[in-house]
Amino acid sequence: MDLVKNHLMYAVREEVEILKEQIRELVEKNSQLERENTLLKTLASPEQLEKFQSRLSPEEPAPETPQAPEAPGGSAV
């Protein structure tokens, strides 16, 4: 029984470490995307921002979809 318990504890610790690393990576990615978003907002003209906002309104549940194609063009927010 002790062997099973030790094995499970080891497996759980290993999984926790994997999840912690994934969280660190996601936090880093999120920070990078927030910086990029801020930069794009500052570079976008008011007309581009208005156009983007009008595109978001009908597609409120999925705001990520329109951002990806527009990001290279500088009109994403």
PDB file of N, CA and C in Angstrom:
ATOM      1  N   MET A   1       0.824  -1.199   0.000  1.00  0.00           N
ATOM      2  CA  MET A   1       0.000   0.000   0.000  1.00  0.00           C
ATOM      3  C   MET A   1       0.867   1.262   0.000  1.00  0.00           C
ATOM      4  N   ASP A   2       1.946   1.231   0.743  1.00  0.00           N
ATOM      5  CA  ASP A   2       2.856   2.371   0.791  1.00  0.00           C
ATOM      6  C   ASP A   2       3.477   2.644  -0.575  1.00  0.00           C
ATOM      7  N   LEU A   3       3.772   1.587  -1.299  1.00  0.00           N
ATOM      8  CA  LEU A   3       4.358   1.731  -2.626  1.00  0.00           C
ATOM      9  C   LEU A   3       3.392   2.442  -3.572  1.00  0.00           C
ATOM     10  N   VAL A   4       2.115   2.086  -3.491  1.00  0.00           N
ATOM     11  CA  VAL A   4       1.086   2.721  -4.327  1.00  0.00           C
ATOM     12  C   VAL A   4       0.961   4.195  -3.961  1.00  0.00           C
ATOM     13  N   LYS A   5       0.936   4.469  -2.670  1.00  0.00           N
ATOM     14  CA  LYS A   5       0.824   5.849  -2.209  1.00  0.00           C
ATOM     15  C   LYS A   5       2.017   6.687  -2.686  1.00  0.00           C
ATOM     16  N   ASN A   6       3.207   6.150  -2.550  1.00  0.00           N
ATOM     17  CA  ASN A   6       4.408   6.865  -2.995  1.00  0.00           C
ATOM     18  C   ASN A   6       4.387   7.114  -4.498  1.00  0.00           C
ATOM     19  N   HIS A   7       3.968   6.131  -5.232  1.00  0.00           N
ATOM     20  CA  HIS A   7       3.895   6.269  -6.686  1.00  0.00           C
ATOM     21  C   HIS A   7       2.894   7.357  -7.073  1.00  0.00           C
ATOM     22  N   LEU A   8       1.731   7.349  -6.431  1.00  0.00           N
ATOM     23  CA  LEU A   8       0.716   8.364  -6.730  1.00  0.00           C
ATOM     24  C   LEU A   8       1.197   9.762  -6.348  1.00  0.00           C
ATOM     25  N   MET A   9       1.845   9.872  -5.208  1.00  0.00           N
ATOM     26  CA  MET A   9       2.364  11.177  -4.777  1.00  0.00           C
ATOM     27  C   MET A   9       3.412  11.692  -5.763  1.00  0.00           C
ATOM     28  N   TYR A  10       4.266  10.820  -6.229  1.00  0.00           N
ATOM     29  CA  TYR A  10       5.275  11.211  -7.200  1.00  0.00           C
ATOM     30  C   TYR A  10       4.611  11.671  -8.500  1.00  0.00           C
ATOM     31  N   ALA A  11       3.621  10.916  -8.947  1.00  0.00           N
ATOM     32  CA  ALA A  11       2.916  11.259 -10.180  1.00  0.00           C
ATOM     33  C   ALA A  11       2.206  12.606 -10.044  1.00  0.00           C
ATOM     34  N   VAL A  12       1.596  12.846  -8.903  1.00  0.00           N
ATOM     35  CA  VAL A  12       0.901  14.111  -8.676  1.00  0.00           C
ATOM     36  C   VAL A  12       1.901  15.265  -8.643  1.00  0.00           C
ATOM     37  N   ARG A  13       3.017  15.094  -7.953  1.00  0.00           N
ATOM     38  CA  ARG A  13       4.049  16.149  -7.899  1.00  0.00           C
ATOM     39  C   ARG A  13       4.571  16.475  -9.298  1.00  0.00           C
ATOM     40  N   GLU A  14       4.781  15.430 -10.071  1.00  0.00           N
ATOM     41  CA  GLU A  14       5.267  15.631 -11.436  1.00  0.00           C
ATOM     42  C   GLU A  14       4.251  16.413 -12.267  1.00  0.00           C
ATOM     43  N   GLU A  15       2.997  16.055 -12.134  1.00  0.00           N
ATOM     44  CA  GLU A  15       1.934  16.750 -12.865  1.00  0.00           C
ATOM     45  C   GLU A  15       1.817  18.206 -12.415  1.00  0.00           C
ATOM     46  N   VAL A  16       1.971  18.437 -11.122  1.00  0.00           N
ATOM     47  CA  VAL A  16       1.919  19.809 -10.596  1.00  0.00           C
ATOM     48  C   VAL A  16       3.045  20.643 -11.200  1.00  0.00           C
ATOM     49  N   GLU A  17       4.229  20.082 -11.288  1.00  0.00           N
ATOM     50  CA  GLU A  17       5.357  20.815 -11.882  1.00  0.00           C
ATOM     51  C   GLU A  17       5.095  21.138 -13.357  1.00  0.00           C
ATOM     52  N   ILE A  18       4.530  20.200 -14.076  1.00  0.00           N
ATOM     53  CA  ILE A  18       4.190  20.425 -15.485  1.00  0.00           C
ATOM     54  C   ILE A  18       3.165  21.550 -15.601  1.00  0.00           C
ATOM     55  N   LEU A  19       2.154  21.513 -14.753  1.00  0.00           N
ATOM     56  CA  LEU A  19       1.116  22.545 -14.791  1.00  0.00           C
ATOM     57  C   LEU A  19       1.670  23.911 -14.386  1.00  0.00           C
ATOM     58  N   LYS A  20       2.563  23.945 -13.412  1.00  0.00           N
ATOM     59  CA  LYS A  20       3.188  25.216 -13.027  1.00  0.00           C
ATOM     60  C   LYS A  20       3.973  25.810 -14.188  1.00  0.00           C
ATOM     61  N   GLU A  21       4.684  24.979 -14.913  1.00  0.00           N
ATOM     62  CA  GLU A  21       5.448  25.450 -16.069  1.00  0.00           C
ATOM     63  C   GLU A  21       4.510  25.972 -17.157  1.00  0.00           C
ATOM     64  N   GLN A  22       3.416  25.263 -17.379  1.00  0.00           N
ATOM     65  CA  GLN A  22       2.435  25.728 -18.368  1.00  0.00           C
ATOM     66  C   GLN A  22       1.839  27.066 -17.956  1.00  0.00           C
ATOM     67  N   ILE A  23       1.575  27.234 -16.677  1.00  0.00           N
ATOM     68  CA  ILE A  23       1.039  28.506 -16.180  1.00  0.00           C
ATOM     69  C   ILE A  23       2.053  29.620 -16.405  1.00  0.00           C
ATOM     70  N   ARG A  24       3.318  29.358 -16.109  1.00  0.00           N
ATOM     71  CA  ARG A  24       4.361  30.371 -16.334  1.00  0.00           C
ATOM     72  C   ARG A  24       4.409  30.768 -17.809  1.00  0.00           C
ATOM     73  N   GLU A  25       4.357  29.775 -18.691  1.00  0.00           N
ATOM     74  CA  GLU A  25       4.397  30.056 -20.128  1.00  0.00           C
ATOM     75  C   GLU A  25       3.179  30.869 -20.566  1.00  0.00           C
ATOM     76  N   LEU A  26       2.008  30.519 -20.048  1.00  0.00           N
ATOM     77  CA  LEU A  26       0.792  31.237 -20.417  1.00  0.00           C
ATOM     78  C   LEU A  26       0.794  32.669 -19.889  1.00  0.00           C
ATOM     79  N   VAL A  27       1.312  32.867 -18.691  1.00  0.00           N
ATOM     80  CA  VAL A  27       1.409  34.214 -18.133  1.00  0.00           C
ATOM     81  C   VAL A  27       2.352  35.052 -18.983  1.00  0.00           C
ATOM     82  N   GLU A  28       3.465  34.460 -19.383  1.00  0.00           N
ATOM     83  CA  GLU A  28       4.425  35.163 -20.232  1.00  0.00           C
ATOM     84  C   GLU A  28       3.799  35.512 -21.586  1.00  0.00           C
ATOM     85  N   LYS A  29       3.108  34.562 -22.181  1.00  0.00           N
ATOM     86  CA  LYS A  29       2.445  34.784 -23.465  1.00  0.00           C
ATOM     87  C   LYS A  29       1.372  35.868 -23.334  1.00  0.00           C
ATOM     88  N   ASN A  30       0.620  35.836 -22.240  1.00  0.00           N
ATOM     89  CA  ASN A  30      -0.410  36.827 -22.000  1.00  0.00           C
ATOM     90  C   ASN A  30       0.202  38.228 -21.885  1.00  0.00           C
ATOM     91  N   SER A  31       1.289  38.341 -21.164  1.00  0.00           N
ATOM     92  CA  SER A  31       1.965  39.636 -21.022  1.00  0.00           C
ATOM     93  C   SER A  31       2.441  40.149 -22.373  1.00  0.00           C
ATOM     94  N   GLN A  32       3.007  39.253 -23.169  1.00  0.00           N
ATOM     95  CA  GLN A  32       3.487  39.627 -24.499  1.00  0.00           C
ATOM     96  C   GLN A  32       2.317  40.116 -25.358  1.00  0.00           C
ATOM     97  N   LEU A  33       1.207  39.406 -25.322  1.00  0.00           N
ATOM     98  CA  LEU A  33       0.048  39.798 -26.123  1.00  0.00           C
ATOM     99  C   LEU A  33      -0.552  41.122 -25.632  1.00  0.00           C
ATOM    100  N   GLU A  34      -0.525  41.346 -24.331  1.00  0.00           N
ATOM    101  CA  GLU A  34      -1.033  42.613 -23.800  1.00  0.00           C
ATOM    102  C   GLU A  34      -0.154  43.777 -24.256  1.00  0.00           C
ATOM    103  N   ARG A  35       1.169  43.575 -24.248  1.00  0.00           N
ATOM    104  CA  ARG A  35       2.075  44.627 -24.739  1.00  0.00           C
ATOM    105  C   ARG A  35       1.837  44.891 -26.217  1.00  0.00           C
ATOM    106  N   GLU A  36       1.692  43.812 -26.992  1.00  0.00           N
ATOM    107  CA  GLU A  36       1.429  43.958 -28.423  1.00  0.00           C
ATOM    108  C   GLU A  36       0.106  44.677 -28.662  1.00  0.00           C
ATOM    109  N   ASN A  37      -0.898  44.325 -27.895  1.00  0.00           N
ATOM    110  CA  ASN A  37      -2.208  44.952 -28.022  1.00  0.00           C
ATOM    111  C   ASN A  37      -2.117  46.450 -27.728  1.00  0.00           C
ATOM    112  N   THR A  38      -1.399  46.814 -26.668  1.00  0.00           N
ATOM    113  CA  THR A  38      -1.228  48.222 -26.316  1.00  0.00           C
ATOM    114  C   THR A  38      -0.505  48.970 -27.431  1.00  0.00           C
ATOM    115  N   LEU A  39       0.535  48.363 -27.973  1.00  0.00           N
ATOM    116  CA  LEU A  39       1.273  48.995 -29.065  1.00  0.00           C
ATOM    117  C   LEU A  39       0.382  49.196 -30.280  1.00  0.00           C
ATOM    118  N   LEU A  40      -0.381  48.168 -30.630  1.00  0.00           N
ATOM    119  CA  LEU A  40      -1.260  48.279 -31.788  1.00  0.00           C
ATOM    120  C   LEU A  40      -2.326  49.345 -31.575  1.00  0.00           C
ATOM    121  N   LYS A  41      -2.817  49.469 -30.353  1.00  0.00           N
ATOM    122  CA  LYS A  41      -3.805  50.511 -30.060  1.00  0.00           C
ATOM    123  C   LYS A  41      -3.207  51.894 -30.261  1.00  0.00           C
ATOM    124  N   THR A  42      -1.962  52.057 -29.851  1.00  0.00           N
ATOM    125  CA  THR A  42      -1.344  53.381 -29.987  1.00  0.00           C
ATOM    126  C   THR A  42      -1.020  53.699 -31.444  1.00  0.00           C
ATOM    127  N   LEU A  43      -0.742  52.691 -32.240  1.00  0.00           N
ATOM    128  CA  LEU A  43      -0.371  52.911 -33.637  1.00  0.00           C
ATOM    129  C   LEU A  43      -1.580  53.018 -34.569  1.00  0.00           C
ATOM    130  N   ALA A  44      -2.707  52.490 -34.127  1.00  0.00           N
ATOM    131  CA  ALA A  44      -3.899  52.485 -34.976  1.00  0.00           C
ATOM    132  C   ALA A  44      -4.528  53.874 -35.013  1.00  0.00           C
ATOM    133  N   SER A  45      -5.021  54.227 -36.182  1.00  0.00           N
ATOM    134  CA  SER A  45      -5.712  55.508 -36.325  1.00  0.00           C
ATOM    135  C   SER A  45      -7.117  55.393 -35.730  1.00  0.00           C
ATOM    136  N   PRO A  46      -7.755  56.520 -35.412  1.00  0.00           N
ATOM    137  CA  PRO A  46      -9.125  56.462 -34.887  1.00  0.00           C
ATOM    138  C   PRO A  46     -10.086  55.751 -35.845  1.00  0.00           C
ATOM    139  N   GLU A  47      -9.868  55.920 -37.146  1.00  0.00           N
ATOM    140  CA  GLU A  47     -10.734  55.246 -38.123  1.00  0.00           C
ATOM    141  C   GLU A  47     -10.563  53.739 -38.049  1.00  0.00           C
ATOM    142  N   GLN A  48      -9.324  53.291 -37.894  1.00  0.00           N
ATOM    143  CA  GLN A  48      -9.063  51.858 -37.794  1.00  0.00           C
ATOM    144  C   GLN A  48      -9.680  51.284 -36.514  1.00  0.00           C
ATOM    145  N   LEU A  49      -9.558  52.028 -35.421  1.00  0.00           N
ATOM    146  CA  LEU A  49     -10.145  51.569 -34.161  1.00  0.00           C
ATOM    147  C   LEU A  49     -11.663  51.468 -34.271  1.00  0.00           C
ATOM    148  N   GLU A  50     -12.262  52.459 -34.901  1.00  0.00           N
ATOM    149  CA  GLU A  50     -13.718  52.450 -35.072  1.00  0.00           C
ATOM    150  C   GLU A  50     -14.146  51.268 -35.939  1.00  0.00           C
ATOM    151  N   LYS A  51     -13.411  51.038 -37.022  1.00  0.00           N
ATOM    152  CA  LYS A  51     -13.728  49.919 -37.919  1.00  0.00           C
ATOM    153  C   LYS A  51     -13.613  48.586 -37.168  1.00  0.00           C
ATOM    154  N   PHE A  52     -12.571  48.462 -36.374  1.00  0.00           N
ATOM    155  CA  PHE A  52     -12.377  47.229 -35.623  1.00  0.00           C
ATOM    156  C   PHE A  52     -13.494  47.032 -34.598  1.00  0.00           C
ATOM    157  N   GLN A  53     -13.848  48.100 -33.887  1.00  0.00           N
ATOM    158  CA  GLN A  53     -14.915  48.001 -32.898  1.00  0.00           C
ATOM    159  C   GLN A  53     -16.240  47.602 -33.551  1.00  0.00           C
ATOM    160  N   SER A  54     -16.497  48.116 -34.744  1.00  0.00           N
ATOM    161  CA  SER A  54     -17.742  47.760 -35.426  1.00  0.00           C
ATOM    162  C   SER A  54     -17.738  46.285 -35.838  1.00  0.00           C
ATOM    163  N   ARG A  55     -16.574  45.756 -36.131  1.00  0.00           N
ATOM    164  CA  ARG A  55     -16.481  44.327 -36.466  1.00  0.00           C
ATOM    165  C   ARG A  55     -16.686  43.458 -35.240  1.00  0.00           C
ATOM    166  N   LEU A  56     -16.267  43.936 -34.082  1.00  0.00           N
ATOM    167  CA  LEU A  56     -16.410  43.148 -32.860  1.00  0.00           C
ATOM    168  C   LEU A  56     -17.847  43.057 -32.393  1.00  0.00           C
ATOM    169  N   SER A  57     -18.622  44.082 -32.581  1.00  0.00           N
ATOM    170  CA  SER A  57     -19.980  44.135 -32.039  1.00  0.00           C
ATOM    171  C   SER A  57     -20.841  42.931 -32.412  1.00  0.00           C
ATOM    172  N   PRO A  58     -20.957  42.555 -33.689  1.00  0.00           N
ATOM    173  CA  PRO A  58     -21.798  41.397 -34.008  1.00  0.00           C
ATOM    174  C   PRO A  58     -21.189  40.073 -33.547  1.00  0.00           C
ATOM    175  N   GLU A  59     -19.880  40.023 -33.371  1.00  0.00           N
ATOM    176  CA  GLU A  59     -19.213  38.783 -33.005  1.00  0.00           C
ATOM    177  C   GLU A  59     -18.733  38.827 -31.564  1.00  0.00           C
ATOM    178  N   GLU A  60     -19.498  39.367 -30.667  1.00  0.00           N
ATOM    179  CA  GLU A  60     -19.116  39.533 -29.268  1.00  0.00           C
ATOM    180  C   GLU A  60     -18.608  38.257 -28.609  1.00  0.00           C
ATOM    181  N   PRO A  61     -19.214  37.056 -28.827  1.00  0.00           N
ATOM    182  CA  PRO A  61     -18.741  35.863 -28.123  1.00  0.00           C
ATOM    183  C   PRO A  61     -17.336  35.417 -28.513  1.00  0.00           C
ATOM    184  N   ALA A  62     -16.829  35.778 -29.690  1.00  0.00           N
ATOM    185  CA  ALA A  62     -15.504  35.310 -30.115  1.00  0.00           C
ATOM    186  C   ALA A  62     -14.633  36.480 -30.549  1.00  0.00           C
ATOM    187  N   PRO A  63     -14.141  37.311 -29.614  1.00  0.00           N
ATOM    188  CA  PRO A  63     -13.355  38.474 -30.002  1.00  0.00           C
ATOM    189  C   PRO A  63     -11.968  38.116 -30.515  1.00  0.00           C
ATOM    190  N   GLU A  64     -11.443  36.900 -30.247  1.00  0.00           N
ATOM    191  CA  GLU A  64     -10.108  36.548 -30.697  1.00  0.00           C
ATOM    192  C   GLU A  64     -10.048  36.365 -32.214  1.00  0.00           C
ATOM    193  N   THR A  65     -11.113  35.904 -32.808  1.00  0.00           N
ATOM    194  CA  THR A  65     -11.113  35.569 -34.226  1.00  0.00           C
ATOM    195  C   THR A  65     -10.728  36.736 -35.123  1.00  0.00           C
ATOM    196  N   PRO A  66     -11.323  37.925 -34.987  1.00  0.00           N
ATOM    197  CA  PRO A  66     -10.958  38.999 -35.887  1.00  0.00           C
ATOM    198  C   PRO A  66      -9.587  39.592 -35.600  1.00  0.00           C
ATOM    199  N   GLN A  67      -9.036  39.408 -34.413  1.00  0.00           N
ATOM    200  CA  GLN A  67      -7.764  40.027 -34.074  1.00  0.00           C
ATOM    201  C   GLN A  67      -6.598  39.408 -34.828  1.00  0.00           C
ATOM    202  N   ALA A  68      -6.566  38.105 -34.975  1.00  0.00           N
ATOM    203  CA  ALA A  68      -5.417  37.453 -35.568  1.00  0.00           C
ATOM    204  C   ALA A  68      -5.127  37.915 -36.987  1.00  0.00           C
ATOM    205  N   PRO A  69      -6.087  37.967 -37.910  1.00  0.00           N
ATOM    206  CA  PRO A  69      -5.763  38.380 -39.258  1.00  0.00           C
ATOM    207  C   PRO A  69      -5.393  39.863 -39.365  1.00  0.00           C
ATOM    208  N   GLU A  70      -5.911  40.700 -38.471  1.00  0.00           N
ATOM    209  CA  GLU A  70      -5.665  42.122 -38.587  1.00  0.00           C
ATOM    210  C   GLU A  70      -4.384  42.575 -37.911  1.00  0.00           C
ATOM    211  N   ALA A  71      -3.818  41.778 -36.999  1.00  0.00           N
ATOM    212  CA  ALA A  71      -2.652  42.187 -36.250  1.00  0.00           C
ATOM    213  C   ALA A  71      -1.477  42.595 -37.136  1.00  0.00           C
ATOM    214  N   PRO A  72      -1.120  41.836 -38.190  1.00  0.00           N
ATOM    215  CA  PRO A  72      -0.005  42.268 -39.019  1.00  0.00           C
ATOM    216  C   PRO A  72      -0.261  43.582 -39.753  1.00  0.00           C
ATOM    217  N   GLY A  73      -1.496  43.896 -40.044  1.00  0.00           N
ATOM    218  CA  GLY A  73      -1.820  45.119 -40.753  1.00  0.00           C
ATOM    219  C   GLY A  73      -1.823  46.346 -39.875  1.00  0.00           C
ATOM    220  N   GLY A  74      -1.745  46.160 -38.565  1.00  0.00           N
ATOM    221  CA  GLY A  74      -1.688  47.278 -37.645  1.00  0.00           C
ATOM    222  C   GLY A  74      -3.040  47.848 -37.286  1.00  0.00           C
ATOM    223  N   SER A  75      -4.129  47.217 -37.708  1.00  0.00           N
ATOM    224  CA  SER A  75      -5.429  47.772 -37.391  1.00  0.00           C
ATOM    225  C   SER A  75      -6.129  47.036 -36.265  1.00  0.00           C
ATOM    226  N   ALA A  76      -5.486  46.021 -35.701  1.00  0.00           N
ATOM    227  CA  ALA A  76      -6.098  45.294 -34.588  1.00  0.00           C
ATOM    228  C   ALA A  76      -5.938  46.085 -33.311  1.00  0.00           C
ATOM    229  N   VAL A  77      -6.826  45.841 -32.383  1.00  0.00           N
ATOM    230  CA  VAL A  77      -6.790  46.560 -31.115  1.00  0.00           C
ATOM    231  C   VAL A  77      -6.436  45.606 -30.015  1.00  0.00           C
TER     232      VAL A  77
END
